[in-house]
C-alpha atoms as a PDB file:
ATOM      1  CA  MET A   1      24.883 -16.783  10.155  1.00  0.00           C
ATOM      2  CA  PHE A   2      22.574 -13.772  10.299  1.00  0.00           C
ATOM      3  CA  VAL A   3      23.815 -10.509   8.794  1.00  0.00           C
ATOM      4  CA  ILE A   4      22.183  -7.455  10.375  1.00  0.00           C
ATOM      5  CA  THR A   5      22.520  -4.108   8.598  1.00  0.00           C
ATOM      6  CA  GLY A   6      21.962  -0.938  10.584  1.00  0.00           C
ATOM      7  CA  ALA A   7      23.274  -2.874  13.566  1.00  0.00           C
ATOM      8  CA  THR A   8      23.918   0.191  15.718  1.00  0.00           C
ATOM      9  CA  GLY A   9      20.440   1.672  15.218  1.00  0.00           C
ATOM     10  CA  ASN A  10      17.389   1.505  17.453  1.00  0.00           C
ATOM     11  CA  VAL A  11      15.988  -1.591  15.730  1.00  0.00           C
ATOM     12  CA  GLY A  12      19.201  -3.201  14.489  1.00  0.00           C
ATOM     13  CA  GLY A  13      21.017  -2.909  17.805  1.00  0.00           C
ATOM     14  CA  GLU A  14      18.168  -4.611  19.645  1.00  0.00           C
ATOM     15  CA  LEU A  15      17.932  -7.293  16.961  1.00  0.00           C
ATOM     16  CA  VAL A  16      21.633  -8.095  17.348  1.00  0.00           C
ATOM     17  CA  ARG A  17      21.178  -8.474  21.113  1.00  0.00           C
ATOM     18  CA  ILE A  18      18.137 -10.734  20.731  1.00  0.00           C
ATOM     19  CA  LEU A  19      19.822 -13.056  18.247  1.00  0.00           C
ATOM     20  CA  ALA A  20      23.078 -13.196  20.211  1.00  0.00           C
ATOM     21  CA  ALA A  21      21.194 -14.008  23.424  1.00  0.00           C
ATOM     22  CA  ALA A  22      19.532 -16.889  21.582  1.00  0.00           C
ATOM     23  CA  GLY A  23      22.956 -18.254  20.656  1.00  0.00           C
ATOM     24  CA  GLU A  24      22.698 -17.405  16.963  1.00  0.00           C
ATOM     25  CA  PRO A  25      25.816 -16.492  14.953  1.00  0.00           C
ATOM     26  CA  VAL A  26      25.577 -12.813  14.015  1.00  0.00           C
ATOM     27  CA  THR A  27      27.527 -10.372  11.888  1.00  0.00           C
ATOM     28  CA  ALA A  28      26.643  -6.781  12.803  1.00  0.00           C
ATOM     29  CA  VAL A  29      27.038  -4.337   9.911  1.00  0.00           C
ATOM     30  CA  SER A  30      27.179  -0.567  10.304  1.00  0.00           C
ATOM     31  CA  ARG A  31      28.875   2.422   8.694  1.00  0.00           C
ATOM     32  CA  ARG A  32      30.690   3.324  11.893  1.00  0.00           C
ATOM     33  CA  ALA A  33      32.261   1.377  14.706  1.00  0.00           C
ATOM     34  CA  PRO A  34      29.811   0.670  17.553  1.00  0.00           C
ATOM     35  CA  GLU A  35      29.923   3.119  20.456  1.00  0.00           C
ATOM     36  CA  HIS A  36      29.282   0.306  22.913  1.00  0.00           C
ATOM     37  CA  ALA A  37      30.603  -3.233  23.079  1.00  0.00           C
ATOM     38  CA  LEU A  38      28.679  -5.751  21.020  1.00  0.00           C
ATOM     39  CA  PRO A  39      27.399  -8.936  22.656  1.00  0.00           C
ATOM     40  CA  GLU A  40      29.968 -11.665  23.068  1.00  0.00           C
ATOM     41  CA  GLY A  41      30.530 -13.649  19.900  1.00  0.00           C
ATOM     42  CA  VAL A  42      29.091 -11.027  17.529  1.00  0.00           C
ATOM     43  CA  ARG A  43      31.374 -10.094  14.645  1.00  0.00           C
ATOM     44  CA  HIS A  44      31.329  -6.486  13.425  1.00  0.00           C
ATOM     45  CA  HIS A  45      31.844  -5.425   9.829  1.00  0.00           C
ATOM     46  CA  ARG A  46      32.023  -1.826   8.661  1.00  0.00           C
ATOM     47  CA  ALA A  47      30.151  -1.267   5.413  1.00  0.00           C
ATOM     48  CA  ASP A  48      27.873   1.246   3.741  1.00  0.00           C
ATOM     49  CA  LEU A  49      24.732   0.177   1.869  1.00  0.00           C
ATOM     50  CA  ALA A  50      25.419   3.050  -0.526  1.00  0.00           C
ATOM     51  CA  GLU A  51      28.528   1.059  -1.552  1.00  0.00           C
ATOM     52  CA  PRO A  52      27.216  -2.487  -2.016  1.00  0.00           C
ATOM     53  CA  GLN A  53      30.625  -4.058  -2.618  1.00  0.00           C
ATOM     54  CA  SER A  54      31.639  -3.074   0.907  1.00  0.00           C
ATOM     55  CA  LEU A  55      29.143  -5.684   2.146  1.00  0.00           C
ATOM     56  CA  ARG A  56      30.668  -8.639   0.291  1.00  0.00           C
ATOM     57  CA  PRO A  57      32.907  -9.971   3.110  1.00  0.00           C
ATOM     58  CA  ALA A  58      29.991  -9.928   5.575  1.00  0.00           C
ATOM     59  CA  LEU A  59      27.640 -11.799   3.238  1.00  0.00           C
ATOM     60  CA  ASP A  60      29.877 -14.717   2.310  1.00  0.00           C
ATOM     61  CA  GLY A  61      28.520 -17.826   4.001  1.00  0.00           C
ATOM     62  CA  ALA A  62      25.533 -16.054   5.564  1.00  0.00           C
ATOM     63  CA  GLU A  63      22.128 -17.706   5.769  1.00  0.00           C
ATOM     64  CA  ALA A  64      19.867 -14.666   6.108  1.00  0.00           C
ATOM     65  CA  LEU A  65      20.031 -10.876   5.753  1.00  0.00           C
ATOM     66  CA  PHE A  66      18.181  -8.171   7.667  1.00  0.00           C
ATOM     67  CA  LEU A  67      18.144  -5.238   5.263  1.00  0.00           C
ATOM     68  CA  LEU A  68      17.400  -1.561   5.806  1.00  0.00           C
ATOM     69  CA  VAL A  69      16.117   0.816   3.158  1.00  0.00           C
ATOM     70  CA  ALA A  70      19.390   2.661   2.610  1.00  0.00           C
ATOM     71  CA  GLY A  71      21.502   3.446  -0.416  1.00  0.00           C
ATOM     72  CA  GLU A  72      20.164   3.494  -3.957  1.00  0.00           C
ATOM     73  CA  ASP A  73      20.907   0.054  -5.406  1.00  0.00           C
ATOM     74  CA  PRO A  74      19.092  -2.738  -3.588  1.00  0.00           C
ATOM     75  CA  ARG A  75      19.511  -5.110  -6.525  1.00  0.00           C
ATOM     76  CA  ALA A  76      23.295  -4.991  -6.200  1.00  0.00           C
ATOM     77  CA  VAL A  77      23.057  -5.794  -2.479  1.00  0.00           C
ATOM     78  CA  LEU A  78      20.664  -8.665  -3.118  1.00  0.00           C
ATOM     79  CA  GLU A  79      22.800 -10.088  -5.908  1.00  0.00           C
ATOM     80  CA  LEU A  80      25.809 -10.059  -3.609  1.00  0.00           C
ATOM     81  CA  ALA A  81      23.742 -11.716  -0.908  1.00  0.00           C
ATOM     82  CA  ALA A  82      22.603 -14.503  -3.218  1.00  0.00           C
ATOM     83  CA  ALA A  83      26.157 -15.027  -4.467  1.00  0.00           C
ATOM     84  CA  GLY A  84      27.358 -15.298  -0.868  1.00  0.00           C
ATOM     85  CA  GLY A  85      24.855 -18.035  -0.058  1.00  0.00           C
ATOM     86  CA  VAL A  86      22.079 -16.003   1.578  1.00  0.00           C
ATOM     87  CA  ARG A  87      18.751 -17.799   1.167  1.00  0.00           C
ATOM     88  CA  ARG A  88      16.329 -15.281   2.640  1.00  0.00           C
ATOM     89  CA  VAL A  89      16.019 -11.600   3.365  1.00  0.00           C
ATOM     90  CA  VAL A  90      13.921  -9.606   5.818  1.00  0.00           C
ATOM     91  CA  LEU A  91      13.431  -5.990   4.727  1.00  0.00           C
ATOM     92  CA  LEU A  92      12.571  -3.225   7.183  1.00  0.00           C
ATOM     93  CA  SER A  93      10.396  -0.899   5.128  1.00  0.00           C
ATOM     94  CA  SER A  94       7.818   1.779   5.895  1.00  0.00           C
ATOM     95  CA  GLN A  95       4.060   1.755   6.373  1.00  0.00           C
ATOM     96  CA  GLY A  96       3.974   4.675   3.932  1.00  0.00           C
ATOM     97  CA  VAL A  97       4.645   2.318   1.010  1.00  0.00           C
ATOM     98  CA  GLY A  98       1.136   0.987   1.429  1.00  0.00           C
ATOM     99  CA  THR A  99      -0.635   4.200   2.352  1.00  0.00           C
ATOM    100  CA  ARG A 100       1.231   6.852   0.311  1.00  0.00           C
ATOM    101  CA  PRO A 101       3.091   5.105  -2.513  1.00  0.00           C
ATOM    102  CA  GLU A 102       3.766   8.294  -4.468  1.00  0.00           C
ATOM    103  CA  GLN A 103       5.650   9.811  -1.531  1.00  0.00           C
ATOM    104  CA  TYR A 104       7.409   6.599  -0.504  1.00  0.00           C
ATOM    105  CA  ARG A 105       8.857   5.493  -3.817  1.00  0.00           C
ATOM    106  CA  HIS A 106      12.312   4.820  -2.378  1.00  0.00           C
ATOM    107  CA  PRO A 107      11.279   2.102   0.096  1.00  0.00           C
ATOM    108  CA  ALA A 108       8.779   0.832  -2.490  1.00  0.00           C
ATOM    109  CA  ALA A 109      11.680   0.268  -4.894  1.00  0.00           C
ATOM    110  CA  PHE A 110      13.460  -1.762  -2.220  1.00  0.00           C
ATOM    111  CA  GLU A 111      10.364  -3.875  -1.655  1.00  0.00           C
ATOM    112  CA  GLU A 112      10.059  -4.551  -5.368  1.00  0.00           C
ATOM    113  CA  ALA A 113      13.732  -5.528  -5.605  1.00  0.00           C
ATOM    114  CA  VAL A 114      13.367  -7.916  -2.669  1.00  0.00           C
ATOM    115  CA  ARG A 115      10.295  -9.556  -4.205  1.00  0.00           C
ATOM    116  CA  ARG A 116      12.120 -10.051  -7.507  1.00  0.00           C
ATOM    117  CA  SER A 117      15.374 -11.247  -5.924  1.00  0.00           C
ATOM    118  CA  GLY A 118      14.689 -14.985  -6.104  1.00  0.00           C
ATOM    119  CA  LEU A 119      15.352 -15.220  -2.362  1.00  0.00           C
ATOM    120  CA  GLU A 120      12.813 -16.072   0.304  1.00  0.00           C
ATOM    121  CA  TRP A 121      11.596 -12.721   1.585  1.00  0.00           C
ATOM    122  CA  THR A 122       9.541 -11.036   4.258  1.00  0.00           C
ATOM    123  CA  VAL A 123       8.748  -7.315   4.376  1.00  0.00           C
ATOM    124  CA  LEU A 124       8.202  -5.518   7.679  1.00  0.00           C
ATOM    125  CA  ARG A 125       6.452  -2.174   7.192  1.00  0.00           C
ATOM    126  CA  SER A 126       7.018  -0.225  10.375  1.00  0.00           C
ATOM    127  CA  GLY A 127       4.870   2.634  11.503  1.00  0.00           C
ATOM    128  CA  GLY A 128       6.534   5.550  13.286  1.00  0.00           C
ATOM    129  CA  LEU A 129       8.959   4.424  15.971  1.00  0.00           C
ATOM    130  CA  ASP A 130       8.684   5.351  19.644  1.00  0.00           C
ATOM    131  CA  SER A 131      12.388   6.176  19.492  1.00  0.00           C
ATOM    132  CA  ASN A 132      11.686   9.134  17.188  1.00  0.00           C
ATOM    133  CA  ALA A 133      11.011  10.924  20.480  1.00  0.00           C
ATOM    134  CA  PHE A 134      14.775  10.960  21.047  1.00  0.00           C
ATOM    135  CA  ALA A 135      14.631  14.107  18.882  1.00  0.00           C
ATOM    136  CA  TRP A 136      13.310  15.794  22.031  1.00  0.00           C
ATOM    137  CA  ALA A 137      16.131  14.587  24.271  1.00  0.00           C
ATOM    138  CA  GLU A 138      18.244  17.753  24.188  1.00  0.00           C
ATOM    139  CA  SER A 139      15.330  20.172  24.643  1.00  0.00           C
ATOM    140  CA  ILE A 140      13.838  18.114  27.456  1.00  0.00           C
ATOM    141  CA  ARG A 141      17.165  17.832  29.269  1.00  0.00           C
ATOM    142  CA  ALA A 142      17.936  21.535  28.883  1.00  0.00           C
ATOM    143  CA  HIS A 143      14.528  23.203  29.072  1.00  0.00           C
ATOM    144  CA  ARG A 144      11.963  20.500  29.928  1.00  0.00           C
ATOM    145  CA  THR A 145      10.129  21.286  26.685  1.00  0.00           C
ATOM    146  CA  ALA A 146       9.077  19.143  23.716  1.00  0.00           C
ATOM    147  CA  ALA A 147       7.996  20.684  20.408  1.00  0.00           C
ATOM    148  CA  ALA A 148       6.095  19.039  17.571  1.00  0.00           C
ATOM    149  CA  PRO A 149       3.352  19.860  15.066  1.00  0.00           C
ATOM    150  CA  PHE A 150      -0.188  18.455  15.212  1.00  0.00           C
ATOM    151  CA  GLY A 151      -0.059  18.012  18.968  1.00  0.00           C
ATOM    152  CA  ASP A 152      -3.342  16.152  19.359  1.00  0.00           C
ATOM    153  CA  VAL A 153      -3.228  13.845  16.342  1.00  0.00           C
ATOM    154  CA  GLY A 154      -2.663  10.291  17.537  1.00  0.00           C
ATOM    155  CA  LEU A 155      -0.781   7.546  15.686  1.00  0.00           C
ATOM    156  CA  PRO A 156      -0.028   3.980  16.882  1.00  0.00           C
ATOM    157  CA  VAL A 157       3.742   4.398  17.076  1.00  0.00           C
ATOM    158  CA  VAL A 158       5.665   1.184  17.658  1.00  0.00           C
ATOM    159  CA  ASP A 159       8.452   0.247  20.068  1.00  0.00           C
ATOM    160  CA  PRO A 160      11.667  -0.495  18.133  1.00  0.00           C
ATOM    161  CA  ALA A 161      12.204  -3.452  20.472  1.00  0.00           C
ATOM    162  CA  ASP A 162       8.937  -4.951  19.206  1.00  0.00           C
ATOM    163  CA  VAL A 163      10.063  -4.463  15.609  1.00  0.00           C
ATOM    164  CA  ALA A 164      13.347  -6.184  16.486  1.00  0.00           C
ATOM    165  CA  GLU A 165      11.572  -9.083  18.186  1.00  0.00           C
ATOM    166  CA  VAL A 166       9.352  -9.589  15.152  1.00  0.00           C
ATOM    167  CA  ALA A 167      12.419  -9.501  12.887  1.00  0.00           C
ATOM    168  CA  ALA A 168      14.186 -12.051  15.086  1.00  0.00           C
ATOM    169  CA  ALA A 169      11.155 -14.356  15.065  1.00  0.00           C
ATOM    170  CA  VAL A 170      10.947 -14.159  11.276  1.00  0.00           C
ATOM    171  CA  LEU A 171      14.666 -14.689  10.776  1.00  0.00           C
ATOM    172  CA  ARG A 172      14.824 -17.641  13.152  1.00  0.00           C
ATOM    173  CA  SER A 173      11.707 -19.302  11.757  1.00  0.00           C
ATOM    174  CA  GLY A 174      13.140 -19.522   8.288  1.00  0.00           C
ATOM    175  CA  ALA A 175      11.160 -16.628   6.911  1.00  0.00           C
ATOM    176  CA  GLY A 176       6.208 -16.045   8.269  1.00  0.00           C
ATOM    177  CA  GLY A 177       2.579 -16.573   8.398  1.00  0.00           C
ATOM    178  CA  VAL A 178      -0.381 -14.979   6.900  1.00  0.00           C
ATOM    179  CA  GLY A 179       0.669 -12.131   4.655  1.00  0.00           C
ATOM    180  CA  GLU A 180       0.389 -10.811   1.175  1.00  0.00           C
ATOM    181  CA  GLY A 181       2.833 -11.375  -1.609  1.00  0.00           C
ATOM    182  CA  ASP A 182       4.254 -14.059  -3.829  1.00  0.00           C
ATOM    183  CA  GLY A 183       7.540 -14.948  -2.158  1.00  0.00           C
ATOM    184  CA  ILE A 184       8.966 -18.357  -2.890  1.00  0.00           C
ATOM    185  CA  GLY A 185       8.410 -21.231  -0.501  1.00  0.00           C
ATOM    186  CA  GLY A 186      10.155 -21.564   2.816  1.00  0.00           C
ATOM    187  CA  GLY A 187       9.264 -20.847   6.401  1.00  0.00           C
ATOM    188  CA  PRO A 188       5.916 -19.647   7.705  1.00  0.00           C
ATOM    189  CA  HIS A 189       6.671 -15.981   6.948  1.00  0.00           C
ATOM    190  CA  ALA A 190       7.910 -16.385   3.362  1.00  0.00           C
ATOM    191  CA  GLY A 191       6.213 -13.925   1.049  1.00  0.00           C
ATOM    192  CA  ALA A 192       4.513 -12.030   3.883  1.00  0.00           C
ATOM    193  CA  THR A 193       4.210  -8.273   4.255  1.00  0.00           C
ATOM    194  CA  TYR A 194       3.511  -7.211   7.834  1.00  0.00           C
ATOM    195  CA  GLU A 195       2.549  -3.763   9.113  1.00  0.00           C
ATOM    196  CA  LEU A 196       3.911  -3.182  12.610  1.00  0.00           C
ATOM    197  CA  THR A 197       2.302  -0.701  14.995  1.00  0.00           C
ATOM    198  CA  GLY A 198       1.927  -0.040  18.673  1.00  0.00           C
ATOM    199  CA  PRO A 199      -1.194  -0.930  20.690  1.00  0.00           C
ATOM    200  CA  VAL A 200      -3.065   2.412  20.551  1.00  0.00           C
ATOM    201  CA  PRO A 201      -2.781   5.794  18.830  1.00  0.00           C
ATOM    202  CA  VAL A 202      -0.754   8.247  20.926  1.00  0.00           C
ATOM    203  CA  SER A 203      -0.497  11.982  20.189  1.00  0.00           C
ATOM    204  CA  PRO A 204       2.713  14.037  20.508  1.00  0.00           C
ATOM    205  CA  ARG A 205       1.224  15.765  23.548  1.00  0.00           C
ATOM    206  CA  GLU A 206       0.556  12.377  25.165  1.00  0.00           C
ATOM    207  CA  ARG A 207       4.071  11.197  24.359  1.00  0.00           C
ATOM    208  CA  ALA A 208       5.515  14.250  26.091  1.00  0.00           C
ATOM    209  CA  GLU A 209       3.325  13.513  29.113  1.00  0.00           C
ATOM    210  CA  ALA A 210       4.570   9.912  29.178  1.00  0.00           C
ATOM    211  CA  ILE A 211       8.193  11.072  29.134  1.00  0.00           C
ATOM    212  CA  ALA A 212       7.406  13.509  31.952  1.00  0.00           C
ATOM    213  CA  GLY A 213       6.026  10.605  33.968  1.00  0.00           C
ATOM    214  CA  ALA A 214       9.096   8.503  33.227  1.00  0.00           C
ATOM    215  CA  ILE A 215      11.565  11.164  34.418  1.00  0.00           C
ATOM    216  CA  GLY A 216       9.415  12.454  37.271  1.00  0.00           C
ATOM    217  CA  GLU A 217       9.573  16.044  35.986  1.00  0.00           C
ATOM    218  CA  PRO A 218       7.016  18.212  34.176  1.00  0.00           C
ATOM    219  CA  VAL A 219       7.591  18.593  30.438  1.00  0.00           C
ATOM    220  CA  ARG A 220       5.945  21.510  28.606  1.00  0.00           C
ATOM    221  CA  PHE A 221       4.594  20.646  25.181  1.00  0.00           C
ATOM    222  CA  VAL A 222       4.978  23.341  22.496  1.00  0.00           C
ATOM    223  CA  GLU A 223       2.935  22.904  19.335  1.00  0.00           C
ATOM    224  CA  GLN A 224       4.868  23.914  16.224  1.00  0.00           C
ATOM    225  CA  SER A 225       3.308  25.204  13.052  1.00  0.00           C
ATOM    226  CA  PRO A 226       3.697  22.858  10.061  1.00  0.00           C
ATOM    227  CA  GLU A 227       6.125  25.335   8.514  1.00  0.00           C
ATOM    228  CA  GLU A 228       8.285  25.446  11.648  1.00  0.00           C
ATOM    229  CA  ALA A 229       8.371  21.657  11.688  1.00  0.00           C
ATOM    230  CA  ARG A 230       9.185  21.503   7.963  1.00  0.00           C
ATOM    231  CA  THR A 231      12.143  23.880   8.365  1.00  0.00           C
ATOM    232  CA  GLN A 232      13.515  21.831  11.236  1.00  0.00           C
ATOM    233  CA  MET A 233      13.038  18.474   9.506  1.00  0.00           C
ATOM    234  CA  LEU A 234      14.716  19.631   6.296  1.00  0.00           C
ATOM    235  CA  THR A 235      17.977  19.905   8.229  1.00  0.00           C
ATOM    236  CA  PHE A 236      18.207  16.110   8.478  1.00  0.00           C
ATOM    237  CA  MET A 237      15.666  14.641   6.015  1.00  0.00           C
ATOM    238  CA  PRO A 238      15.242  14.903   2.224  1.00  0.00           C
ATOM    239  CA  GLU A 239      12.291  16.994   1.102  1.00  0.00           C
ATOM    240  CA  PRO A 240      10.089  14.116  -0.177  1.00  0.00           C
ATOM    241  CA  ALA A 241      10.461  12.341   3.151  1.00  0.00           C
ATOM    242  CA  VAL A 242       9.632  15.543   5.025  1.00  0.00           C
ATOM    243  CA  GLU A 243       6.462  16.109   3.014  1.00  0.00           C
ATOM    244  CA  GLY A 244       5.374  12.510   3.435  1.00  0.00           C
ATOM    245  CA  THR A 245       6.048  12.580   7.163  1.00  0.00           C
ATOM    246  CA  LEU A 246       4.160  15.830   7.694  1.00  0.00           C
ATOM    247  CA  SER A 247       1.208  14.455   5.735  1.00  0.00           C
ATOM    248  CA  ILE A 248       1.046  11.390   7.963  1.00  0.00           C
ATOM    249  CA  LEU A 249       1.505  13.405  11.166  1.00  0.00           C
ATOM    250  CA  GLY A 250      -1.110  15.995  10.290  1.00  0.00           C
ATOM    251  CA  ALA A 251      -3.696  14.176   8.209  1.00  0.00           C
ATOM    252  CA  PRO A 252      -3.299  10.435   8.669  1.00  0.00           C
ATOM    253  CA  VAL A 253      -5.576   8.210   6.641  1.00  0.00           C
ATOM    254  CA  ALA A 254      -7.592   5.499   8.353  1.00  0.00           C
ATOM    255  CA  ALA A 255      -4.946   2.844   7.661  1.00  0.00           C
ATOM    256  CA  GLU A 256      -2.293   4.985   9.372  1.00  0.00           C
ATOM    257  CA  ARG A 257      -4.442   5.352  12.481  1.00  0.00           C
ATOM    258  CA  ALA A 258      -5.295   1.663  12.607  1.00  0.00           C
ATOM    259  CA  VAL A 259      -3.671  -0.762  15.036  1.00  0.00           C
ATOM    260  CA  SER A 260      -2.197  -3.758  13.218  1.00  0.00           C
ATOM    261  CA  PRO A 261      -2.542  -7.250  14.722  1.00  0.00           C
ATOM    262  CA  ALA A 262       0.820  -8.372  13.319  1.00  0.00           C
ATOM    263  CA  VAL A 263       2.985  -7.860  16.428  1.00  0.00           C
ATOM    264  CA  GLU A 264       0.593  -9.821  18.620  1.00  0.00           C
ATOM    265  CA  ARG A 265       0.079 -12.495  15.976  1.00  0.00           C
ATOM    266  CA  ILE A 266       3.805 -13.138  15.595  1.00  0.00           C
ATOM    267  CA  LEU A 267       4.990 -12.631  19.186  1.00  0.00           C
ATOM    268  CA  GLY A 268       1.949 -13.954  21.025  1.00  0.00           C
ATOM    269  CA  ARG A 269       1.601 -10.800  23.112  1.00  0.00           C
ATOM    270  CA  ALA A 270       0.336  -7.273  22.687  1.00  0.00           C
ATOM    271  CA  PRO A 271       2.799  -4.631  21.500  1.00  0.00           C
ATOM    272  CA  ARG A 272       4.368  -2.498  24.222  1.00  0.00           C
ATOM    273  CA  PRO A 273       2.770   0.900  24.956  1.00  0.00           C
ATOM    274  CA  PHE A 274       4.717   4.120  24.430  1.00  0.00           C
ATOM    275  CA  ALA A 275       4.966   4.611  28.210  1.00  0.00           C
ATOM    276  CA  ALA A 276       6.986   1.387  28.510  1.00  0.00           C
ATOM    277  CA  TRP A 277       9.478   2.693  25.953  1.00  0.00           C
ATOM    278  CA  ALA A 278       9.639   6.041  27.784  1.00  0.00           C
ATOM    279  CA  ASP A 279      10.451   4.271  31.052  1.00  0.00           C
ATOM    280  CA  ARG A 280      13.364   2.408  29.421  1.00  0.00           C
ATOM    281  CA  ALA A 281      14.585   5.542  27.619  1.00  0.00           C
ATOM    282  CA  ALA A 282      14.233   7.878  30.614  1.00  0.00           C
ATOM    283  CA  PRO A 283      18.002   8.344  31.182  1.00  0.00           C
ATOM    284  CA  ALA A 284      18.285  10.068  27.779  1.00  0.00           C
ATOM    285  CA  PHE A 285      15.822  12.753  28.892  1.00  0.00           C
ATOM    286  CA  ARG A 286      17.051  13.466  32.419  1.00  0.00           C
END
């Protein structure tokens, strides 16, 4: 049994579908009931990572756990997982842990807890997700405009479906390959830390152009000032996360601009370009 937290999100929802299609037993965990029907055979459990005990029924008898960075007590979640029989955990973390540790202490704490858990572990450090462009959905539908700061700074954003496919491959293999870390023995990905990116850096302006191509309508790009972006982001993100995000968006270091080979190494194909995601997501912007 695979337990997938964040099962209604952009990565978790796709991961549930991939595993179910492969005939794997899956328990989908989320704070709210799914808006759409889950794949046949998938069991849903409502729980909140901020309340670790709410996870207990889902973890009993499970083999592996896909864990998001959410809540404040990863050790309690991991202890419950081990008590329930979970043998390995795959953590979805952030690239910022490696490039900006002072600003990404929260996911770093989760990584440390996973490494000390006694379970087989693999850490997936995702770069920015293509699906972050859903933040433009309302303004593109209503006004055919997309606003963002640092309009011509490119980053290799990654398709959430690629992140999900990597997670599925790691989970099904028994936990991967060449990585860094000191995880205990197990599958080919045990003890590995993978950075996941898209195939090329893409700027906000280029992402808006790709969405315009996907919907067959012009989309006007509006470059925000950093302060305008900060004010907007503070409405849904904590301040440390906002500052870290703006730093990456505006002044990425070389490692944040670099394209990682991990997706291709694990999946045997190149990561999908942003335009492919935009084509799939086009209905949200029309």
